[in-house]
Each structure stands twice: as structure tokens, then as C-alpha cells.
Protein backbone atom coordinates (compact mmCIF):
# COMPACT_ATOMS: atom_id res chain seq x y z
CA MET A 1 -0.03 0.20 0.05
CA LYS A 2 2.21 2.79 -1.28
CA LEU A 3 1.88 5.94 -3.10
CA THR A 4 4.55 7.78 -4.87
CA PHE A 5 4.29 11.30 -6.28
CA LEU A 6 5.61 11.70 -9.60
CA GLY A 7 4.36 15.25 -10.97
CA ALA A 8 2.77 18.38 -9.89
CA THR A 9 4.94 18.36 -7.08
CA HIS A 10 6.30 22.02 -6.24
CA GLU A 11 4.99 22.78 -9.70
CA VAL A 12 1.55 23.43 -11.26
CA THR A 13 1.24 21.20 -13.88
CA GLY A 14 2.26 17.64 -15.05
CA SER A 15 -0.33 15.85 -12.41
CA CYS A 16 0.71 12.35 -11.78
CA PHE A 17 0.74 9.91 -8.77
CA PHE A 18 1.28 6.44 -8.68
CA LEU A 19 -0.55 4.03 -6.14
CA GLU A 20 0.13 0.58 -5.57
CA ALA A 21 -2.39 -1.49 -3.74
CA CYS A 22 -4.03 -4.63 -3.76
CA ASP A 23 -1.63 -6.11 -6.23
CA LYS A 24 -2.49 -3.36 -8.60
CA LYS A 25 -0.68 -0.47 -10.28
CA ILE A 26 -2.92 2.56 -10.55
CA LEU A 27 -2.19 6.20 -12.12
CA ILE A 28 -4.04 9.04 -10.92
CA ASP A 29 -3.83 11.52 -14.03
CA TYR A 30 -1.21 11.48 -16.45
CA GLY A 31 -0.64 15.39 -17.53
CA MET A 32 1.36 17.36 -19.67
CA GLU A 33 3.81 19.78 -18.00
CA GLN A 34 2.99 23.31 -19.32
CA GLY A 35 4.82 26.62 -18.92
CA PRO A 36 7.38 27.18 -16.64
CA ASP A 37 9.60 23.82 -15.59
CA THR A 38 11.37 24.15 -12.36
CA TYR A 39 12.22 20.46 -10.91
CA GLU A 40 12.99 17.28 -13.00
CA ASN A 41 10.04 14.45 -12.26
CA VAL A 42 11.19 11.08 -11.82
CA PRO A 43 9.94 8.68 -14.36
CA LEU A 44 7.13 6.18 -14.28
CA PRO A 45 8.64 3.60 -11.98
CA VAL A 46 7.02 0.82 -14.17
CA LYS A 47 6.58 0.20 -17.67
CA PRO A 48 3.35 1.49 -19.18
CA ALA A 49 2.07 -2.03 -19.91
CA ASP A 50 2.14 -3.17 -16.34
CA ILE A 51 -0.07 -0.39 -15.23
CA ASP A 52 -3.55 -1.53 -14.39
CA MET A 53 -5.82 1.48 -14.53
CA VAL A 54 -5.75 5.21 -14.52
CA LEU A 55 -8.05 7.20 -12.47
CA LEU A 56 -8.74 10.55 -14.27
CA THR A 57 -9.63 13.91 -12.40
CA HIS A 58 -10.82 15.96 -15.32
CA ALA A 59 -9.93 16.42 -18.98
CA HIS A 60 -7.31 19.23 -19.11
CA MET A 61 -3.94 18.71 -20.92
CA ASP A 62 -2.21 19.29 -17.35
CA HIS A 63 -4.18 16.17 -16.09
CA SER A 64 -4.87 13.92 -19.06
CA GLY A 65 -2.53 15.20 -21.88
CA LYS A 66 0.04 12.49 -21.96
CA LEU A 67 -2.74 9.28 -21.78
CA PRO A 68 -2.11 8.93 -25.60
CA LEU A 69 1.58 8.26 -24.65
CA LEU A 70 0.85 5.83 -22.05
CA TYR A 71 -0.89 3.79 -24.82
CA LYS A 72 1.60 4.38 -27.23
CA GLU A 73 4.25 2.81 -24.79
CA GLY A 74 2.09 -0.22 -24.34
CA PHE A 75 -0.74 0.61 -21.83
CA GLN A 76 -3.80 -1.41 -22.34
CA GLY A 77 -5.84 -1.21 -18.79
CA GLN A 78 -8.64 0.77 -18.13
CA ILE A 79 -8.98 4.76 -17.62
CA PHE A 80 -11.84 5.61 -15.07
CA SER A 81 -13.43 8.88 -15.43
CA THR A 82 -17.12 10.92 -15.67
CA ALA A 83 -18.86 10.44 -18.84
CA ALA A 84 -18.24 14.66 -19.71
CA THR A 85 -14.32 14.12 -18.87
CA ALA A 86 -14.43 11.12 -21.26
CA ASP A 87 -16.37 13.20 -24.10
CA LEU A 88 -14.14 16.19 -23.82
CA CYS A 89 -10.94 13.94 -23.88
CA GLU A 90 -12.18 12.68 -26.90
CA ILE A 91 -11.83 16.09 -28.72
CA MET A 92 -9.05 17.30 -26.66
CA LEU A 93 -6.80 14.29 -26.94
CA ARG A 94 -7.37 14.30 -30.54
CA ASP A 95 -6.38 18.12 -30.85
CA SER A 96 -3.23 17.55 -28.71
CA ALA A 97 -2.18 14.52 -31.26
CA HIS A 98 -2.93 16.95 -34.18
CA ILE A 99 -0.50 19.59 -32.42
CA GLN A 100 1.85 17.18 -31.71
CA MET A 101 2.22 15.84 -35.29
CA PHE A 102 1.84 19.33 -36.94
CA GLU A 103 4.78 20.62 -34.82
CA ALA A 104 7.13 17.60 -35.55
CA GLU A 105 6.45 17.91 -39.29
CA TRP A 106 7.32 21.86 -39.09
CA LYS A 107 10.59 21.03 -37.05
CA ASN A 108 11.45 18.53 -39.65
CA ARG A 109 10.97 20.65 -42.41
CA LYS A 110 13.25 23.35 -40.94
CA GLY A 111 15.74 20.80 -39.31
CA LYS A 112 16.05 18.79 -42.81
CA ARG A 113 17.40 22.10 -44.41
CA ALA A 114 19.73 22.22 -41.45
CA GLY A 115 21.16 18.74 -41.58
CA ARG A 116 19.33 17.66 -38.46
CA GLU A 117 17.75 14.45 -37.29
CA GLN A 118 14.40 13.91 -37.61
CA VAL A 119 11.98 14.74 -34.92
CA GLU A 120 9.07 12.09 -33.68
CA PRO A 121 5.98 13.58 -32.25
CA LEU A 122 5.34 12.63 -28.74
CA TYR A 123 2.38 10.45 -30.07
CA ASP A 124 0.19 10.57 -32.98
CA MET A 125 -3.59 10.54 -33.95
CA GLU A 126 -3.69 6.63 -33.81
CA ASP A 127 -2.33 6.70 -30.27
CA ALA A 128 -5.01 9.32 -29.21
CA ILE A 129 -7.94 7.14 -30.69
CA GLY A 130 -6.58 4.08 -29.52
CA VAL A 131 -6.43 5.32 -25.47
CA LEU A 132 -9.96 6.58 -25.92
CA SER A 133 -11.22 2.82 -26.20
CA CYS A 134 -9.95 2.48 -22.65
CA PHE A 135 -12.29 4.98 -20.86
CA VAL A 136 -14.98 3.61 -18.31
CA ARG A 137 -17.53 6.08 -17.81
CA CYS A 138 -18.67 6.50 -13.84
CA GLU A 139 -21.23 8.59 -12.33
CA TYR A 140 -20.92 11.37 -9.67
CA GLU A 141 -21.58 10.13 -6.20
CA LYS A 142 -21.60 6.21 -6.87
CA GLU A 143 -19.14 3.94 -5.76
CA VAL A 144 -17.35 1.78 -7.96
CA ARG A 145 -15.53 -1.62 -7.14
CA ILE A 146 -12.46 -1.50 -9.66
CA ALA A 147 -10.69 -4.57 -8.05
CA GLU A 148 -10.90 -6.81 -5.10
CA GLY A 149 -10.34 -4.31 -2.04
CA LEU A 150 -10.23 -1.19 -3.91
CA ARG A 151 -13.08 1.07 -4.50
CA ILE A 152 -13.53 4.48 -5.89
CA ARG A 153 -16.29 7.35 -6.15
CA PHE A 154 -16.08 10.32 -8.25
CA ILE A 155 -17.33 13.80 -6.36
CA ASP A 156 -17.79 17.02 -8.51
CA ALA A 157 -14.88 19.35 -8.01
CA GLY A 158 -16.56 22.28 -9.71
CA HIS A 159 -13.96 23.11 -11.95
CA LEU A 160 -14.78 22.09 -15.57
CA LEU A 161 -17.53 20.03 -17.13
CA GLY A 162 -17.34 16.63 -15.76
CA SER A 163 -14.27 17.67 -13.32
CA SER A 164 -14.07 15.40 -10.10
CA SER A 165 -12.26 14.94 -6.81
CA ILE A 166 -11.91 11.13 -6.39
CA GLU A 167 -12.37 8.95 -2.93
CA VAL A 168 -10.36 5.67 -3.27
CA TRP A 169 -10.92 3.07 -0.65
CA VAL A 170 -7.99 0.78 -0.33
CA ARG A 171 -8.52 -2.65 1.77
CA GLU A 172 -5.33 -5.08 2.11
CA LYS A 173 -6.08 -7.76 4.69
CA ASP A 174 -7.26 -6.07 7.73
CA ILE A 175 -5.88 -2.61 7.07
CA MET A 176 -8.56 0.02 5.66
CA LYS A 177 -7.22 3.54 4.35
CA LYS A 178 -9.14 6.08 2.34
CA LEU A 179 -7.44 8.55 0.27
CA VAL A 180 -9.15 11.62 -1.74
CA PHE A 181 -7.00 13.03 -4.36
CA SER A 182 -8.96 16.68 -4.92
CA GLY A 183 -8.03 17.20 -8.27
CA ASP A 184 -8.28 21.00 -9.38
CA ILE A 185 -10.75 22.47 -6.95
CA GLY A 186 -13.28 24.86 -8.64
CA ASN A 187 -14.29 28.34 -7.85
CA ILE A 188 -17.90 28.84 -6.47
CA ASN A 189 -20.44 30.83 -8.40
CA GLN A 190 -19.17 30.02 -11.73
CA PRO A 191 -21.73 30.00 -14.62
CA LEU A 192 -22.76 26.55 -15.83
CA ILE A 193 -20.77 24.52 -13.69
CA ARG A 194 -22.06 23.56 -9.99
CA ASP A 195 -20.07 24.61 -6.94
CA PRO A 196 -17.51 22.15 -5.84
CA HIS A 197 -18.83 19.14 -3.52
CA TYR A 198 -17.11 18.62 -0.46
CA PRO A 199 -15.32 15.10 0.69
CA LYS A 200 -16.19 14.45 4.62
CA ASP A 201 -13.78 12.10 5.61
CA ALA A 202 -10.22 10.66 4.59
CA ASP A 203 -7.13 9.33 6.12
CA TYR A 204 -4.88 10.76 3.65
CA VAL A 205 -5.60 13.83 0.97
CA ILE A 206 -3.52 14.93 -2.03
CA MET A 207 -4.74 18.58 -2.43
CA GLU A 208 -3.97 21.15 -5.09
CA SER A 209 -2.67 24.52 -4.03
CA THR A 210 -2.83 26.66 -7.38
CA TYR A 211 -4.13 29.67 -5.85
CA GLY A 212 -2.86 28.61 -2.38
CA ASP A 213 -1.13 32.33 -1.65
CA ARG A 214 -3.84 34.36 -3.42
CA SER A 215 -7.47 35.70 -3.58
CA HIS A 216 -9.57 36.37 -6.80
CA GLU A 217 -10.28 39.70 -7.63
CA ARG A 218 -13.49 40.98 -6.41
CA PRO A 219 -16.44 39.80 -8.77
CA VAL A 220 -18.14 42.20 -11.19
CA ASP A 221 -21.38 42.19 -12.81
CA TYR A 222 -19.85 40.43 -15.60
CA ALA A 223 -22.74 40.34 -17.93
CA ALA A 224 -23.15 44.29 -17.27
CA ALA A 225 -19.59 44.82 -17.97
CA LEU A 226 -19.36 42.55 -21.16
CA ALA A 227 -22.19 44.48 -22.50
CA GLU A 228 -20.76 47.71 -22.22
CA VAL A 229 -17.84 46.75 -24.01
CA ILE A 230 -19.86 45.75 -26.69
CA GLN A 231 -22.01 48.71 -26.83
CA ARG A 232 -19.30 51.19 -27.28
CA THR A 233 -17.39 49.16 -30.08
CA PHE A 234 -20.41 48.74 -31.86
CA ASP A 235 -21.43 52.31 -31.92
CA ARG A 236 -18.19 53.01 -33.29
CA GLY A 237 -18.70 50.31 -35.80
CA GLY A 238 -16.17 47.75 -34.98
CA ASN A 239 -15.85 44.38 -33.77
CA VAL A 240 -15.18 42.75 -30.32
CA VAL A 241 -12.65 40.07 -30.72
CA VAL A 242 -12.35 37.72 -27.75
CA PRO A 243 -9.30 35.40 -27.55
CA SER A 244 -11.04 32.84 -25.88
CA PHE A 245 -10.13 29.32 -24.03
CA ALA A 246 -12.14 26.73 -26.27
CA VAL A 247 -13.24 24.35 -23.31
CA GLY A 248 -15.05 26.46 -20.51
CA ARG A 249 -14.08 29.96 -21.07
CA THR A 250 -16.09 29.88 -24.59
CA GLN A 251 -19.08 28.30 -23.00
CA GLU A 252 -19.08 30.98 -20.17
CA MET A 253 -19.13 33.92 -22.50
CA LEU A 254 -22.06 32.44 -24.55
CA TYR A 255 -23.70 32.03 -21.26
CA PHE A 256 -23.31 35.76 -20.60
CA ILE A 257 -24.06 36.80 -23.87
CA ARG A 258 -27.50 34.93 -24.08
CA GLN A 259 -28.24 37.12 -20.89
CA ILE A 260 -27.20 40.18 -22.55
CA LYS A 261 -29.36 39.64 -25.84
CA GLN A 262 -32.48 38.30 -23.53
CA ASP A 263 -32.41 41.48 -21.12
CA GLN A 264 -31.41 43.87 -24.35
CA MET A 265 -28.76 45.17 -22.68
CA VAL A 266 -26.80 46.51 -25.95
CA LYS A 267 -28.99 49.10 -27.36
CA ASN A 268 -29.62 49.89 -31.35
CA HIS A 269 -27.88 46.91 -32.44
CA ASP A 270 -30.47 44.21 -32.45
CA GLY A 271 -29.79 40.55 -33.55
CA PHE A 272 -25.92 41.47 -33.54
CA GLU A 273 -24.08 38.22 -34.44
CA VAL A 274 -21.72 36.39 -32.23
CA TRP A 275 -19.32 33.98 -34.14
CA VAL A 276 -17.42 31.22 -32.46
CA ASP A 277 -14.36 30.40 -34.70
CA SER A 278 -12.57 27.36 -33.36
CA PRO A 279 -13.53 24.02 -34.28
CA LEU A 280 -12.53 22.69 -30.65
CA ALA A 281 -14.36 25.22 -28.92
CA ASN A 282 -17.33 24.32 -31.46
CA GLU A 283 -16.98 20.40 -30.47
CA ALA A 284 -16.63 21.54 -26.82
CA THR A 285 -19.62 23.51 -26.82
CA GLY A 286 -21.87 20.59 -28.29
CA ILE A 287 -20.38 18.58 -25.61
CA PHE A 288 -21.67 20.82 -23.19
CA ARG A 289 -25.01 20.84 -24.75
CA GLU A 290 -24.92 16.99 -24.46
CA HIS A 291 -24.53 16.99 -20.51
CA MET A 292 -26.69 20.02 -19.97
CA TRP A 293 -29.42 18.41 -17.85
CA SER A 294 -26.83 15.81 -16.04
CA ASP A 295 -24.12 18.41 -15.14
CA PHE A 296 -25.43 22.17 -15.04
CA ASP A 297 -25.87 24.18 -11.98
CA ASP A 298 -29.26 25.20 -10.65
CA GLU A 299 -29.72 28.36 -12.61
CA ALA A 300 -28.69 26.85 -15.81
CA MET A 301 -31.21 23.98 -15.12
CA GLU A 302 -33.90 26.29 -14.21
CA LEU A 303 -33.15 27.75 -17.72
CA LEU A 304 -33.69 24.63 -19.13
CA ARG A 305 -36.99 23.84 -17.23
CA GLN A 306 -38.19 27.14 -18.87
CA GLY A 307 -37.13 25.82 -22.52
CA VAL A 308 -34.27 28.13 -22.87
CA ASN A 309 -30.68 27.00 -24.01
CA PRO A 310 -28.13 28.33 -21.70
CA ILE A 311 -25.33 28.61 -24.45
CA GLY A 312 -27.51 29.32 -27.18
CA PHE A 313 -29.55 32.14 -28.79
CA ALA A 314 -30.38 33.85 -32.09
CA GLY A 315 -27.26 35.08 -33.98
CA LEU A 316 -24.93 32.75 -32.96
CA LYS A 317 -22.64 31.50 -36.01
CA THR A 318 -20.28 28.79 -35.89
CA SER A 319 -17.18 28.72 -38.13
CA ILE A 320 -15.96 25.34 -39.13
CA THR A 321 -13.95 25.40 -42.65
CA SER A 322 -10.88 28.14 -42.95
CA GLU A 323 -13.01 29.59 -45.75
CA ASP A 324 -15.70 30.34 -43.00
CA SER A 325 -13.19 31.91 -40.84
CA LYS A 326 -12.00 34.20 -43.70
CA ALA A 327 -15.59 35.41 -44.49
CA ILE A 328 -16.06 36.66 -40.86
CA ASN A 329 -13.69 39.74 -41.59
CA GLU A 330 -15.14 40.02 -45.01
CA ASP A 331 -18.30 41.13 -43.42
CA VAL A 332 -18.36 44.75 -42.32
CA LYS A 333 -20.98 44.47 -39.81
CA PRO A 334 -20.18 44.92 -36.22
CA LYS A 335 -19.99 41.75 -34.51
CA VAL A 336 -18.38 39.69 -31.56
CA ILE A 337 -15.75 37.10 -32.53
CA LEU A 338 -14.91 34.35 -29.77
CA SER A 339 -11.80 32.34 -31.15
CA ALA A 340 -8.66 30.36 -29.94
CA SER A 341 -6.33 30.54 -28.57
CA GLY A 342 -7.15 32.23 -25.42
CA MET A 343 -3.36 33.63 -25.42
CA CYS A 344 -3.01 34.37 -29.06
CA ASP A 345 -0.12 32.27 -29.22
CA ALA A 346 -1.73 30.11 -32.07
CA GLY A 347 -4.80 29.31 -34.09
CA ARG A 348 -7.42 31.24 -35.68
CA ILE A 349 -7.55 34.01 -33.46
CA LYS A 350 -4.16 35.29 -34.63
CA HIS A 351 -5.90 36.08 -38.35
CA HIS A 352 -8.62 37.84 -36.56
CA LEU A 353 -6.17 40.17 -34.74
CA LYS A 354 -4.56 40.90 -37.98
CA HIS A 355 -7.84 41.98 -39.68
CA ASN A 356 -8.79 44.12 -36.40
CA LEU A 357 -5.95 45.13 -34.49
CA TRP A 358 -4.98 48.20 -36.79
CA ARG A 359 -8.73 49.73 -36.67
CA PRO A 360 -9.60 51.86 -33.88
CA GLU A 361 -13.11 50.99 -33.85
CA SER A 362 -12.58 47.37 -32.75
CA THR A 363 -11.67 46.10 -29.33
CA VAL A 364 -9.79 43.51 -28.46
CA LEU A 365 -11.30 41.95 -25.21
CA PHE A 366 -8.96 39.81 -22.79
CA VAL A 367 -11.28 37.29 -20.37
CA GLY A 368 -8.44 35.16 -19.13
CA TYR A 369 -4.92 34.97 -17.93
CA GLN A 370 -2.24 35.80 -20.48
CA ALA A 371 1.37 34.05 -19.57
CA VAL A 372 4.37 36.05 -19.80
CA GLY A 373 5.82 35.80 -23.33
CA THR A 374 2.63 35.43 -25.06
CA LEU A 375 1.05 37.95 -27.85
CA GLY A 376 -1.81 38.46 -25.55
CA ARG A 377 0.22 39.43 -22.74
CA ALA A 378 2.23 41.88 -25.17
CA LEU A 379 -0.95 43.31 -26.17
CA LEU A 380 -2.16 44.18 -22.23
CA ASP A 381 1.21 45.39 -21.71
CA GLY A 382 0.87 47.99 -24.06
CA ALA A 383 2.69 46.70 -27.43
CA THR A 384 2.05 49.38 -29.91
CA SER A 385 2.76 47.14 -32.82
CA VAL A 386 3.02 43.45 -33.46
CA LYS A 387 4.25 40.92 -36.05
CA LEU A 388 1.55 38.82 -37.28
CA PHE A 389 2.25 36.14 -40.35
CA GLY A 390 5.59 38.07 -41.23
CA GLU A 391 3.76 41.49 -41.08
CA GLU A 392 4.00 44.36 -38.76
CA ILE A 393 0.45 45.61 -37.41
CA GLU A 394 -0.09 48.96 -35.88
CA VAL A 395 -2.25 48.50 -32.56
CA LYS A 396 -4.83 51.09 -32.56
CA ALA A 397 -7.69 49.05 -31.46
CA GLU A 398 -8.77 49.24 -28.02
CA ILE A 399 -7.30 46.66 -25.78
CA CYS A 400 -9.15 45.94 -22.74
CA ARG A 401 -9.56 42.94 -19.91
CA LEU A 402 -12.44 41.83 -17.98
CA PRO A 403 -11.57 39.92 -14.99
CA GLY A 404 -11.71 36.00 -15.75
CA ILE A 405 -14.00 33.70 -13.64
CA SER A 406 -11.45 31.75 -12.60
CA GLY A 407 -12.18 27.99 -12.53
CA HIS A 408 -10.06 27.37 -9.79
CA ALA A 409 -10.68 27.91 -5.70
CA ASP A 410 -8.32 30.84 -4.72
CA ASN A 411 -7.04 30.40 -1.22
CA GLN A 412 -10.10 31.25 1.12
CA GLY A 413 -11.73 28.40 -1.33
CA LEU A 414 -9.07 25.89 -0.61
CA ILE A 415 -9.35 26.32 2.76
CA ARG A 416 -13.17 26.14 2.85
CA TRP A 417 -12.68 22.80 1.22
CA ILE A 418 -9.82 21.16 3.42
CA SER A 419 -11.79 22.56 6.55
CA ALA A 420 -15.36 20.55 5.38
CA PHE A 421 -13.77 17.36 6.52
CA GLU A 422 -15.50 16.26 9.57
CA LYS A 423 -12.37 14.58 10.99
CA LYS A 424 -8.79 15.88 10.46
CA PRO A 425 -6.98 13.58 8.01
CA ASP A 426 -3.70 11.90 9.19
CA LYS A 427 -2.02 13.75 6.46
CA VAL A 428 -2.63 16.15 3.79
CA PHE A 429 -0.03 16.16 0.69
CA VAL A 430 0.06 19.49 -1.09
CA VAL A 431 0.82 19.27 -4.71
CA HIS A 432 0.15 21.44 -7.67
CA GLY A 433 1.20 24.67 -6.67
CA GLU A 434 4.02 26.69 -7.58
CA ASP A 435 7.33 26.12 -5.45
CA THR A 436 6.97 28.76 -3.10
CA VAL A 437 2.76 28.53 -3.16
CA CYS A 438 3.28 25.01 -2.12
CA GLU A 439 5.09 25.83 1.05
CA ILE A 440 3.15 28.68 1.88
CA PHE A 441 0.04 26.80 1.74
CA THR A 442 1.48 23.91 3.46
CA ASN A 443 2.50 26.09 6.55
CA ARG A 444 -1.12 27.84 6.41
CA LEU A 445 -2.66 24.22 6.89
CA ARG A 446 -0.12 23.38 9.87
CA ASP A 447 -0.62 26.89 11.54
CA GLU A 448 -4.05 27.80 11.08
CA LEU A 449 -5.58 24.50 10.77
CA GLY A 450 -3.47 22.16 12.79
CA LEU A 451 -2.89 19.68 10.25
CA ASP A 452 -0.05 17.33 9.29
CA ALA A 453 0.39 18.90 6.38
CA TYR A 454 3.57 18.14 3.69
CA ALA A 455 4.46 19.05 0.24
CA PRO A 456 6.45 16.12 -1.30
CA PHE A 457 8.83 16.57 -4.47
CA SER A 458 8.80 14.04 -7.22
CA GLY A 459 10.17 10.63 -6.36
CA THR A 460 8.71 10.94 -2.48
CA GLU A 461 7.38 7.30 -1.70
CA TYR A 462 4.99 7.04 1.34
CA ASP A 463 3.92 3.92 3.24
CA LEU A 464 0.16 4.31 3.50
CA ALA A 465 -0.58 1.17 5.83
CA ALA A 466 2.53 2.29 8.18
CA GLY A 467 1.79 6.01 7.68
CA ARG A 468 5.62 7.03 7.05
CA LEU A 469 7.63 7.96 4.59
CA ILE A 470 9.74 5.15 2.38
CA THR A 471 11.68 7.71 0.04
CA GLU A 472 12.51 11.64 0.54
CA PRO A 473 14.38 12.38 -2.43
CA ALA A 474 16.21 15.90 -2.61
CA PRO A 475 14.60 18.07 -5.40
CA VAL A 476 16.76 18.24 -8.58
CA ARG A 477 15.92 21.75 -9.89
CA ILE A 478 16.32 22.24 -13.83
CA ARG A 479 19.18 24.75 -14.40
CA LYS A 480 18.22 27.47 -17.00
CA GLU A 481 20.99 29.76 -18.60
CA ALA A 482 20.47 33.16 -17.20
CA SER A 483 21.27 36.67 -19.27
CA ALA A 484 24.25 38.10 -17.93
CA SER A 485 22.49 41.63 -17.49
CA SER A 486 19.45 40.09 -15.85
CA PRO A 487 18.50 42.14 -12.98
CA ARG A 488 17.98 39.01 -10.82
CA GLU A 489 21.71 38.20 -10.57
CA LYS A 490 22.04 41.49 -9.02
CA VAL A 491 19.78 40.30 -5.72
CA THR A 492 21.52 39.22 -2.72
CA LYS A 493 20.29 38.13 0.63
CA THR A 494 20.53 41.40 2.07
CA PHE A 495 17.38 43.43 1.88
CA ALA A 496 19.24 46.69 1.65
CA ARG A 497 20.86 45.65 -1.61
CA LEU A 498 17.61 44.35 -2.68
CA LEU A 499 16.22 47.74 -2.65
CA ALA A 500 19.66 48.91 -4.09
CA ALA A 501 19.12 47.09 -7.25
CA GLY A 502 15.43 48.28 -7.67
CA GLN A 503 16.38 51.80 -7.35
CA ARG A 504 19.01 51.20 -10.28
CA LEU A 505 16.40 49.26 -12.72
CA ILE A 506 14.48 52.55 -12.10
CA GLY A 507 17.36 54.20 -13.34
CA VAL A 508 17.92 52.09 -16.12
CA ILE A 509 14.35 52.67 -17.08
CA ARG A 510 14.25 56.39 -17.13
CA GLN A 511 17.70 56.15 -19.52
CA ASN A 512 15.56 54.16 -21.89
CA GLU A 513 12.84 56.65 -22.20
CA GLY A 514 12.47 57.46 -26.13
CA GLY A 515 14.41 54.22 -27.11
CA ALA A 516 12.94 51.83 -30.06
CA ASN A 517 9.31 50.75 -29.37
CA LYS A 518 10.47 47.26 -30.06
CA ASP A 519 13.44 47.20 -27.17
CA LEU A 520 11.02 49.05 -24.91
CA ASP A 521 8.51 46.26 -25.17
CA LYS A 522 11.13 43.63 -24.51
CA PHE A 523 12.19 45.09 -21.41
CA THR A 524 8.81 45.18 -20.30
CA ARG A 525 8.08 41.66 -20.65
CA GLU A 526 11.41 40.79 -18.89
CA ILE A 527 10.28 43.14 -15.86
CA HIS A 528 6.82 41.68 -15.85
CA ALA A 529 8.29 38.06 -15.72
CA LEU A 530 10.40 39.31 -12.88
CA CYS A 531 7.57 40.34 -10.93
CA ASP A 532 5.23 37.57 -11.70
CA LYS A 533 8.13 35.10 -10.09
CA TRP A 534 8.82 37.06 -6.91
CA GLU A 535 5.32 38.78 -6.24
CA ARG A 536 4.06 37.70 -3.07
């Protein structure tokens, strides 16, 4: 009865845990690492062919994205998930395979000219289709016996359609232990998605800490704020271009636009069109519709009982082919365009930016997080021009942002979730957070709630029956080359010198006044990257 921590340890992505119990080898999630990679992860301790089953919390790539690779390397077991998670994985894993194959082909075209060896995709479409045949669909709140001595139950985590926390009961001889894997714990009061349900008891809790060090922005009247943006843009004769994540955020936007149209919150533009220009988003919206009656929250269910589609309305258009996409910008009528990717770093959104960024009458509206180094972040940071498809585009459109309706619980939501346990768990393992956030949240659990909390690193092994650590490896930090002029190199352990370094940075900023826009944009992004790392 042993649990090994493989991924999402002192990091936000790459969720993966390995449970050995009742003569079974079980993975809980098998996700991709995305964004900053701080520590090396240990490999799977067994061959993929030896893994009996996978328990999947939800469909996001940082939890499910390496499942086709598992299949490619020999896995033939079962993958237990909710029905909605299985449906979303069907489109998301296929899309991921397409991206893997496209990127490998692109690298090989360049590499061939440079005499480099051919690159193999991480996995291909055949692997994605193959692993989908392994899924076993489970209902929320229903116990499932998956092997002798092993039972599981999925509880709605309120994070994404089909997302779950997973309860696992393990019995070996006369020893019974219960584990709860939190998955990603959802925020409350999200549109469409139910609030998270709280488990009541466990011996061991494996808990995420993504927002363990911060609170979300105060919620706004989202429909009213969105209507205001649409109104002033349409009055100018422009388009509202919304970079939107295909799964989750797009459907939330449709929910609010339906309300805006129903309540006639945009005046003098009756029947305005809303285009969803993303094949993945259109497929995901179809899956949301299929699961309306089983997975939506009470407000959305009340609309359904009234005969109202919560994410459908007159004027909603879908773009399927590239020709459909091009035609959107040939039509001069003001419209709302929802397109992926959400951070503007790939996909059809770049074409819509090319056609609208130079237009002062149009608006680019951001409704989600924009990571440092992405085109979306550059636009939010005030870029005056960007390069798209080899062409320099001047930024004259209005650039604005609505605070996103985060799918993650903030620090208060996380505390509320763990506080719902009626009896203190024997141990809480804190995972799925940035390095410092894991430590901060672990200390909060100890100091404020008196819990035995611990933030493991990759490779940590724990004996669940005996309640003790077996292996506690030292973390292996991934070394990155640092620029010789990087401000971070000037930081020392003494606070006085830190202040001096900050004052010097201000001086350098002032010296660069009047510099080239390209250089100033780069300098700005570097400073934001520095602040993002150290902000508390």
C-alpha cells in the first residue's frame, strides 16, 4: 500500500501520482507539463504495459495530456473518469495529437535544411484514438468496485464540466485506508458549472494549491461589464474580438451573451451576430449541450426547465472551415468574434487580430489569464505594434480586459474545502502549486488548521499502511541559462542591496525613455516576468 508522487510536485502542471495497492498498479492522472518547469520529475517506476488502470480527475491537458503516450508505450488497462470528462478527452486528446504531429512536421522541414535528425511527435492520432477505447464512464457520487479491495467514487470538483475529486478506498487484509485526490478544486458561483462538492473524511488527502497564496479579484456584474464593451465598440462600427479558451471559457462567454441579448442590454444593435471560430470550441460546446441536464448548475437547469438553452441564442454562428473563418472579416457588420487560442499564441485568433488590431473602432477583449511571453500579454502590456504572419501590424484597437471568472478556488476556497472534512486527515499532501506557493499553503494548513501537512517532491514514496515516508528524495532543480545582464543576478540575501538593485532598475528604465518600441516592449516583458516570479 504505497503512494509515489511523480508530477505536479512544487509545480502547477504535469499531475501524476502512482498508487500500488491490492496487487494493482494505478495512476491518478497523467498530465503534460505546461509553462515553467522548475524541477525534474522522476519517470514512471514501472513500464506502461504493467499499469492496470488510471483514475482521471478531469480533461485538462495538464491532467490528461500524456494518456496517448501511455497507450503508445504499451498501456492496455482501464481509464476511469466521469462521462463528461471522457467526452471532452475525445476531442482534446485528438486535438493534442494533431498539434504534436503538426509541430513535428514543421520542425522536420526546418531540420532537414539544417541537416538535423528527424523529430518524432510525442504521440500521433492513432495513439489518441487508441487510448479513448480504454475509458470507463462513471457517475458522480456512485461507488465503483474496480478490483478486489479497491473502491472509488467521483465527486463534483466544480472546476470544469465533468471535473472531479476522487475518493479511493483501499483494503489489504485487515487494513483499510481512504484517500482523496482533490483534482483541481473549482471556484464558487461560476456560470454553468456546479459549486464544488466537499468530501467529508479521509485518512490521506492529496490536495492542489494553485491559488494557495492569493485571493481572486472581486467579482463584477459580468454581463453588464461585457455589454458595456460591446455597446461602445458597436457604436464605433467595430468588432469585439475575444481570445477565448476553447473549453470552458468560450461556453461561459456564450452564457453571458445570451443574458445580454435576452435583457436587451446592448441598444440599437438588435440581432447582432456572435461567431465562435474554433473547431475545438464548437465541438466542446456540443459536449456541454449533451451534458446540460446532468452536469449544469441550478441556475442553468432552471433555464432548461423554461425551455431556454443557456448557451444558445439567435445570432450565434459557428465557423467550421478556414473559408468560413476568412468570411467573418469580409463582413463589415459589427460582431463579436470568439476564437482560440486564449493567449493569442496560435490558432485562428491571430487572423482576427491581423484584421482588427489596426482598426481604432474595434476592441480586443481579454477574459482570461495571459502568460508572460505570449502575444496576449504583450498586447495587455501596451505593445504599439506586433508582427503577425510576417507583417507588422500597428495596434490602434481598444485593448481591454475583464477579470476572468477563474475556474480555480482561491486560497479562501481551498481552506473552505479542506475545512469541510469532519475529522482531520492523518496527513495532507500539498501538490499542484508553484514552489513557493506549495510551501506557503502547507504552512497555512499547519499553523491555522493544525493539520499534518507536507509538500512532497517528485520521487517521494509514502507507506500508506504504516503512515511513514519510505523515500524522501532531494529535489533536482532544472538549471536555466541566465542572461548576464538579468536584474535577478544582482539580487542578494540582504534586503538593503535588494532595494538598491530596485533603485538601479528604475534608473535604467528612465535612461531608456525614447528608445525603440521593440526594445522597450522586450524590456517591459522581462520586468513583468521578474515580478510574476517574486510577487507575494
